Each structure stands twice: as C-alpha cells, then as structure tokens.
Amino acid sequence: MEIKIGEAQAKVTTNISKEVEPRILFKANWKYINMSNEVAFKPAEDLKIGDQIKVTIVKISTASKRDAGKE
C-alpha cells in the first residue's frame, strides 16, 4: 500500500536535458545526526531555468524489524 508522505516544490536553477540524470538530495535531521541519501531520476522532458517542479514522496513499503535496526 502506498502512502503519500509529503511533497516539495522548487524552481529549476539550471537547464537540465532529458539525457541527464539529476539527483535529489533526501536529507533528514534526527537529534544531532544528519542522514542523507541521493535519488536519481530521468526527466521525461528538458527542464529550463525557472521551470516549477514538484517532488512527491510516497512510502511504498514498510521496513522489516531487522532492516529498521530492531532485532
């Protein structure tokens, strides 16, 4: 079951062709630890400076207890 977690909107700050795989930085601050991960995607069309984009975060599965560090 997919659950929408949230979304973020931004303006494109550089031209990006559809042949390039841009990356989105997913960063979480938990207490005093910064955790981050990059996610790459292939745009279906060229993006130009000033284009508005929206990134939607959807939870697609639940971590097992072992994967979540709860052994």
Protein backbone atom coordinates (compact mmCIF):
# COMPACT_ATOMS: atom_id res chain seq x y z
CA MET A 1 0.00 0.00 0.00
CA GLU A 2 1.40 3.39 -0.98
CA ILE A 3 1.08 6.33 1.41
CA LYS A 4 1.84 9.91 0.37
CA ILE A 5 4.28 11.33 2.93
CA GLY A 6 4.71 14.82 1.54
CA GLU A 7 5.90 16.97 -1.32
CA ALA A 8 8.25 19.83 -2.05
CA GLN A 9 8.16 22.48 -4.78
CA ALA A 10 11.07 24.41 -6.24
CA LYS A 11 12.27 26.33 -9.27
CA VAL A 12 14.85 24.80 -11.61
CA THR A 13 18.09 26.80 -11.30
CA THR A 14 19.94 25.38 -14.33
CA ASN A 15 18.98 23.87 -17.67
CA ILE A 16 18.66 20.06 -17.48
CA SER A 17 18.29 17.94 -20.60
CA LYS A 18 16.29 14.73 -20.54
CA GLU A 19 19.50 12.77 -21.25
CA VAL A 20 20.93 13.78 -17.85
CA GLU A 21 20.08 12.00 -14.57
CA PRO A 22 19.66 14.77 -12.00
CA ARG A 23 19.75 13.80 -8.33
CA ILE A 24 17.55 14.88 -5.48
CA LEU A 25 19.08 15.01 -2.01
CA PHE A 26 16.82 13.48 0.64
CA LYS A 27 18.09 14.76 3.99
CA ALA A 28 16.78 14.01 7.47
CA ASN A 29 17.92 15.65 10.70
CA TRP A 30 17.41 13.42 13.71
CA LYS A 31 18.66 14.78 17.02
CA TYR A 32 22.31 15.64 16.29
CA ILE A 33 22.77 13.33 13.30
CA ASN A 34 22.37 14.33 9.65
CA MET A 35 21.36 11.45 7.41
CA SER A 36 21.05 11.88 3.67
CA ASN A 37 20.61 9.89 0.52
CA GLU A 38 20.51 10.86 -3.15
CA VAL A 39 17.83 9.69 -5.54
CA ALA A 40 18.42 9.90 -9.31
CA PHE A 41 15.67 10.23 -11.91
CA LYS A 42 15.32 10.69 -15.66
CA PRO A 43 13.16 13.69 -16.61
CA ALA A 44 10.63 12.98 -19.38
CA GLU A 45 11.35 16.38 -20.93
CA ASP A 46 14.02 19.06 -20.84
CA LEU A 47 13.86 21.40 -17.84
CA LYS A 48 14.70 25.08 -18.24
CA ILE A 49 15.80 27.70 -15.69
CA GLY A 50 12.73 29.00 -13.88
CA ASP A 51 10.52 25.93 -14.50
CA GLN A 52 8.49 24.97 -11.44
CA ILE A 53 8.85 21.35 -10.31
CA LYS A 54 7.23 19.32 -7.56
CA VAL A 55 8.73 16.24 -5.90
CA THR A 56 6.29 13.89 -4.19
CA ILE A 57 7.45 11.43 -1.51
CA VAL A 58 5.46 8.19 -1.35
CA LYS A 59 6.09 5.38 1.13
CA ILE A 60 5.89 2.17 -0.90
CA SER A 61 6.78 -0.44 1.71
CA THR A 62 7.40 -0.89 5.41
CA ALA A 63 10.85 -1.86 6.67
CA SER A 64 11.14 -5.17 8.43
CA LYS A 65 12.13 -5.12 12.09
CA ARG A 66 15.62 -6.33 11.13
CA ASP A 67 16.08 -3.62 8.47
CA ALA A 68 14.87 -0.98 10.91
CA GLY A 69 17.55 -2.00 13.45
CA LYS A 70 15.06 -3.55 15.87
CA GLU A 71 16.34 -7.11 16.13
